[in-house]
Amino acid sequence: MRRNCAFFFGNMPVESWFNRAAPRIKSGEVNPDTIDAAIALALMVGDPLLIRRPLIDVDGARCAGLDHEPVLSLLVGKTQNDVEECLHEANRTRCPQR
């Protein structure tokens, strides 16, 4: 059964529905800042790389990306900064900023 990805975006602004690392966005072919919801969904159906991930469904609570509830609740004791940063396992140093 296919789910409509719009259920995962809730009240998020349309421009935040997109994976900013998608090739079509990086090349400038698609500009998320100028697209309405209907066009965004049509583009995402045709090119799933445009969809912000992960799409998460926990007990009916849905979200896109790692910076929303219920993800932060699942990562008990973690803050948004902890989620957005990473550590190199070998030397426990911060990963370079993107």
N, C-alpha and C. Protein backbone atom coordinates (compact mmCIF):
# COMPACT_ATOMS: atom_id res chain seq x y z
N MET A 1 0.84 -1.17 0.00
CA MET A 1 0.00 0.00 0.00
C MET A 1 0.89 1.25 0.00
N ARG A 2 0.65 2.14 -0.95
CA ARG A 2 1.42 3.38 -1.03
C ARG A 2 0.76 4.44 -0.18
N ARG A 3 1.55 5.17 0.59
CA ARG A 3 1.03 6.26 1.39
C ARG A 3 1.35 7.57 0.72
N ASN A 4 0.47 8.52 0.86
CA ASN A 4 0.70 9.86 0.35
C ASN A 4 1.71 10.53 1.27
N CYS A 5 2.84 10.97 0.71
CA CYS A 5 3.89 11.55 1.56
C CYS A 5 3.43 12.85 2.21
N ALA A 6 2.37 13.49 1.71
CA ALA A 6 1.89 14.73 2.31
C ALA A 6 1.49 14.52 3.76
N PHE A 7 1.06 13.32 4.12
CA PHE A 7 0.69 13.02 5.50
C PHE A 7 1.86 13.20 6.46
N PHE A 8 3.06 13.12 5.96
CA PHE A 8 4.25 13.22 6.80
C PHE A 8 4.70 14.66 7.01
N PHE A 9 4.18 15.59 6.22
CA PHE A 9 4.66 16.97 6.29
C PHE A 9 3.84 17.85 7.21
N GLY A 10 2.64 17.45 7.55
CA GLY A 10 1.82 18.20 8.49
C GLY A 10 1.76 19.68 8.17
N ASN A 11 2.14 20.50 9.14
CA ASN A 11 2.11 21.96 8.98
C ASN A 11 3.44 22.53 8.52
N MET A 12 4.35 21.67 8.10
CA MET A 12 5.66 22.15 7.64
C MET A 12 5.46 23.01 6.39
N PRO A 13 6.23 24.10 6.24
CA PRO A 13 6.17 24.87 5.00
C PRO A 13 6.62 24.00 3.82
N VAL A 14 6.02 24.22 2.67
CA VAL A 14 6.30 23.39 1.49
C VAL A 14 7.79 23.31 1.19
N GLU A 15 8.50 24.42 1.30
CA GLU A 15 9.93 24.39 0.97
C GLU A 15 10.73 23.44 1.87
N SER A 16 10.21 23.14 3.07
CA SER A 16 10.93 22.22 3.96
C SER A 16 10.57 20.76 3.70
N TRP A 17 9.69 20.50 2.74
CA TRP A 17 9.37 19.13 2.36
C TRP A 17 10.48 18.50 1.54
N PHE A 18 11.37 19.30 1.02
CA PHE A 18 12.34 18.85 0.03
C PHE A 18 13.67 18.44 0.64
N ASN A 19 14.29 17.46 -0.01
CA ASN A 19 15.65 17.05 0.28
C ASN A 19 16.57 18.02 -0.47
N ARG A 20 17.19 18.94 0.25
CA ARG A 20 18.02 19.97 -0.37
C ARG A 20 19.27 19.40 -1.05
N ALA A 21 19.58 18.13 -0.77
CA ALA A 21 20.75 17.50 -1.40
C ALA A 21 20.38 16.78 -2.70
N ALA A 22 19.11 16.80 -3.08
CA ALA A 22 18.69 16.13 -4.32
C ALA A 22 19.37 16.79 -5.51
N PRO A 23 19.82 16.00 -6.49
CA PRO A 23 20.52 16.56 -7.64
C PRO A 23 19.75 17.66 -8.37
N ARG A 24 18.45 17.50 -8.54
CA ARG A 24 17.67 18.50 -9.27
C ARG A 24 17.56 19.81 -8.50
N ILE A 25 17.65 19.75 -7.20
CA ILE A 25 17.63 20.98 -6.39
C ILE A 25 19.01 21.62 -6.43
N LYS A 26 20.05 20.82 -6.25
CA LYS A 26 21.41 21.36 -6.26
C LYS A 26 21.76 22.00 -7.60
N SER A 27 21.21 21.45 -8.69
CA SER A 27 21.50 22.00 -10.02
C SER A 27 20.69 23.27 -10.31
N GLY A 28 19.66 23.53 -9.50
CA GLY A 28 18.80 24.69 -9.71
C GLY A 28 17.59 24.40 -10.58
N GLU A 29 17.48 23.16 -11.07
CA GLU A 29 16.33 22.79 -11.90
C GLU A 29 15.01 22.92 -11.12
N VAL A 30 15.04 22.55 -9.84
CA VAL A 30 13.88 22.65 -8.97
C VAL A 30 14.22 23.62 -7.85
N ASN A 31 13.36 24.62 -7.66
CA ASN A 31 13.55 25.60 -6.58
C ASN A 31 12.41 25.44 -5.58
N PRO A 32 12.64 24.75 -4.45
CA PRO A 32 11.58 24.52 -3.48
C PRO A 32 10.96 25.79 -2.91
N ASP A 33 11.68 26.89 -2.96
CA ASP A 33 11.18 28.14 -2.38
C ASP A 33 10.09 28.79 -3.22
N THR A 34 9.85 28.28 -4.43
CA THR A 34 8.86 28.91 -5.33
C THR A 34 7.74 27.96 -5.75
N ILE A 35 7.60 26.82 -5.04
CA ILE A 35 6.67 25.77 -5.47
C ILE A 35 5.52 25.66 -4.46
N ASP A 36 4.29 25.47 -4.98
CA ASP A 36 3.16 25.25 -4.08
C ASP A 36 3.02 23.76 -3.79
N ALA A 37 2.13 23.42 -2.86
CA ALA A 37 1.99 22.04 -2.38
C ALA A 37 1.64 21.07 -3.50
N ALA A 38 0.70 21.43 -4.36
CA ALA A 38 0.28 20.51 -5.43
C ALA A 38 1.43 20.20 -6.38
N ILE A 39 2.17 21.22 -6.77
CA ILE A 39 3.31 21.00 -7.67
C ILE A 39 4.40 20.20 -6.96
N ALA A 40 4.63 20.51 -5.68
CA ALA A 40 5.65 19.79 -4.91
C ALA A 40 5.35 18.30 -4.89
N LEU A 41 4.10 17.95 -4.59
CA LEU A 41 3.74 16.54 -4.54
C LEU A 41 3.87 15.87 -5.90
N ALA A 42 3.48 16.56 -6.96
CA ALA A 42 3.62 16.00 -8.30
C ALA A 42 5.09 15.76 -8.64
N LEU A 43 5.95 16.71 -8.29
CA LEU A 43 7.39 16.55 -8.55
C LEU A 43 7.95 15.35 -7.76
N MET A 44 7.51 15.21 -6.51
CA MET A 44 8.01 14.14 -5.65
C MET A 44 7.57 12.76 -6.12
N VAL A 45 6.35 12.69 -6.68
CA VAL A 45 5.89 11.41 -7.24
C VAL A 45 6.78 11.01 -8.41
N GLY A 46 7.17 11.99 -9.22
CA GLY A 46 8.03 11.71 -10.37
C GLY A 46 9.49 11.51 -10.03
N ASP A 47 9.93 12.09 -8.92
CA ASP A 47 11.34 12.00 -8.53
C ASP A 47 11.43 11.91 -7.01
N PRO A 48 11.35 10.68 -6.46
CA PRO A 48 11.36 10.50 -5.01
C PRO A 48 12.62 11.02 -4.31
N LEU A 49 13.70 11.24 -5.05
CA LEU A 49 14.90 11.82 -4.42
C LEU A 49 14.63 13.23 -3.89
N LEU A 50 13.58 13.86 -4.36
CA LEU A 50 13.24 15.20 -3.89
C LEU A 50 12.64 15.20 -2.49
N ILE A 51 12.16 14.06 -2.02
CA ILE A 51 11.46 13.97 -0.74
C ILE A 51 12.44 14.00 0.42
N ARG A 52 12.16 14.88 1.37
CA ARG A 52 12.97 14.93 2.59
C ARG A 52 12.77 13.63 3.35
N ARG A 53 13.86 13.08 3.82
CA ARG A 53 13.83 11.81 4.53
C ARG A 53 14.49 11.93 5.88
N PRO A 54 14.26 10.99 6.74
CA PRO A 54 13.35 9.87 6.59
C PRO A 54 11.90 10.30 6.80
N LEU A 55 11.00 9.51 6.23
CA LEU A 55 9.58 9.65 6.53
C LEU A 55 9.31 8.69 7.68
N ILE A 56 8.79 9.21 8.77
CA ILE A 56 8.67 8.42 9.99
C ILE A 56 7.22 8.34 10.42
N ASP A 57 6.79 7.13 10.78
CA ASP A 57 5.45 6.90 11.31
C ASP A 57 5.60 6.08 12.57
N VAL A 58 5.35 6.70 13.73
CA VAL A 58 5.44 6.01 15.01
C VAL A 58 4.10 6.15 15.70
N ASP A 59 3.40 5.05 15.82
CA ASP A 59 2.08 5.04 16.46
C ASP A 59 1.16 6.10 15.88
N GLY A 60 1.20 6.28 14.57
CA GLY A 60 0.32 7.23 13.91
C GLY A 60 0.83 8.65 13.87
N ALA A 61 1.88 8.96 14.61
CA ALA A 61 2.50 10.28 14.55
C ALA A 61 3.49 10.25 13.40
N ARG A 62 3.33 11.16 12.45
CA ARG A 62 4.16 11.14 11.25
C ARG A 62 4.97 12.43 11.14
N CYS A 63 6.16 12.30 10.58
CA CYS A 63 6.99 13.47 10.31
C CYS A 63 8.01 13.14 9.24
N ALA A 64 8.64 14.18 8.74
CA ALA A 64 9.71 14.04 7.75
C ALA A 64 10.94 14.72 8.31
N GLY A 65 12.07 14.03 8.28
CA GLY A 65 13.30 14.58 8.82
C GLY A 65 13.51 14.13 10.25
N LEU A 66 14.71 14.35 10.73
CA LEU A 66 15.08 13.88 12.06
C LEU A 66 14.90 14.93 13.16
N ASP A 67 14.43 16.11 12.82
CA ASP A 67 14.39 17.19 13.80
C ASP A 67 12.99 17.46 14.34
N HIS A 68 12.09 16.50 14.25
CA HIS A 68 10.72 16.69 14.71
C HIS A 68 10.33 15.60 15.70
N GLU A 69 9.29 15.85 16.48
CA GLU A 69 8.67 14.79 17.24
C GLU A 69 8.00 13.89 16.22
N PRO A 70 7.94 12.59 16.38
CA PRO A 70 8.31 11.82 17.56
C PRO A 70 9.76 11.38 17.59
N VAL A 71 10.56 11.77 16.61
CA VAL A 71 11.94 11.30 16.54
C VAL A 71 12.73 11.71 17.77
N LEU A 72 12.63 12.97 18.17
CA LEU A 72 13.40 13.43 19.33
C LEU A 72 12.99 12.69 20.59
N SER A 73 11.71 12.34 20.70
CA SER A 73 11.26 11.57 21.86
C SER A 73 11.87 10.18 21.86
N LEU A 74 12.02 9.61 20.67
CA LEU A 74 12.61 8.28 20.57
C LEU A 74 14.10 8.31 20.93
N LEU A 75 14.72 9.44 20.71
CA LEU A 75 16.14 9.60 21.04
C LEU A 75 16.23 10.26 22.42
N VAL A 76 15.70 9.60 23.40
CA VAL A 76 15.59 10.15 24.75
C VAL A 76 16.90 10.77 25.20
N GLY A 77 16.80 12.00 25.69
CA GLY A 77 17.98 12.70 26.19
C GLY A 77 18.76 13.42 25.12
N LYS A 78 18.33 13.33 23.87
CA LYS A 78 19.04 14.00 22.78
C LYS A 78 18.37 15.34 22.50
N THR A 79 19.17 16.29 22.10
CA THR A 79 18.64 17.58 21.69
C THR A 79 18.71 17.67 20.17
N GLN A 80 18.10 18.70 19.61
CA GLN A 80 18.15 18.88 18.16
C GLN A 80 19.59 19.03 17.70
N ASN A 81 20.43 19.74 18.47
CA ASN A 81 21.84 19.90 18.10
C ASN A 81 22.55 18.55 18.06
N ASP A 82 22.23 17.66 19.00
CA ASP A 82 22.84 16.34 19.00
C ASP A 82 22.47 15.56 17.75
N VAL A 83 21.23 15.72 17.30
CA VAL A 83 20.76 14.99 16.13
C VAL A 83 21.42 15.53 14.86
N GLU A 84 21.62 16.84 14.79
CA GLU A 84 22.16 17.44 13.59
C GLU A 84 23.67 17.31 13.48
N GLU A 85 24.34 16.98 14.55
CA GLU A 85 25.78 16.82 14.52
C GLU A 85 26.11 15.34 14.58
N CYS A 86 27.32 15.00 14.20
CA CYS A 86 27.73 13.61 14.31
C CYS A 86 29.17 13.57 14.81
N LEU A 87 29.58 12.41 15.24
CA LEU A 87 30.94 12.21 15.71
C LEU A 87 31.59 11.12 14.87
N HIS A 88 32.84 11.34 14.50
CA HIS A 88 33.60 10.26 13.87
C HIS A 88 33.88 9.23 14.95
N GLU A 89 33.53 8.01 14.69
CA GLU A 89 33.67 6.97 15.71
C GLU A 89 35.13 6.77 16.14
N ALA A 90 36.06 6.84 15.21
CA ALA A 90 37.45 6.53 15.53
C ALA A 90 38.05 7.50 16.54
N ASN A 91 37.83 8.80 16.35
CA ASN A 91 38.50 9.75 17.25
C ASN A 91 37.53 10.65 18.01
N ARG A 92 36.21 10.41 17.87
CA ARG A 92 35.17 11.13 18.59
C ARG A 92 35.24 12.65 18.36
N THR A 93 35.65 13.07 17.18
CA THR A 93 35.67 14.48 16.84
C THR A 93 34.43 14.80 16.02
N ARG A 94 34.05 16.06 16.03
CA ARG A 94 32.86 16.50 15.28
C ARG A 94 33.11 16.38 13.77
N CYS A 95 32.08 15.98 13.06
CA CYS A 95 32.14 15.92 11.61
C CYS A 95 32.20 17.35 11.07
N PRO A 96 32.81 17.57 9.91
CA PRO A 96 32.86 18.90 9.34
C PRO A 96 31.46 19.40 9.02
N GLN A 97 31.22 20.70 9.20
CA GLN A 97 29.94 21.29 8.87
C GLN A 97 29.75 21.30 7.36
N ARG A 98 28.50 21.12 6.91
CA ARG A 98 28.20 21.11 5.49
C ARG A 98 27.99 22.49 4.98
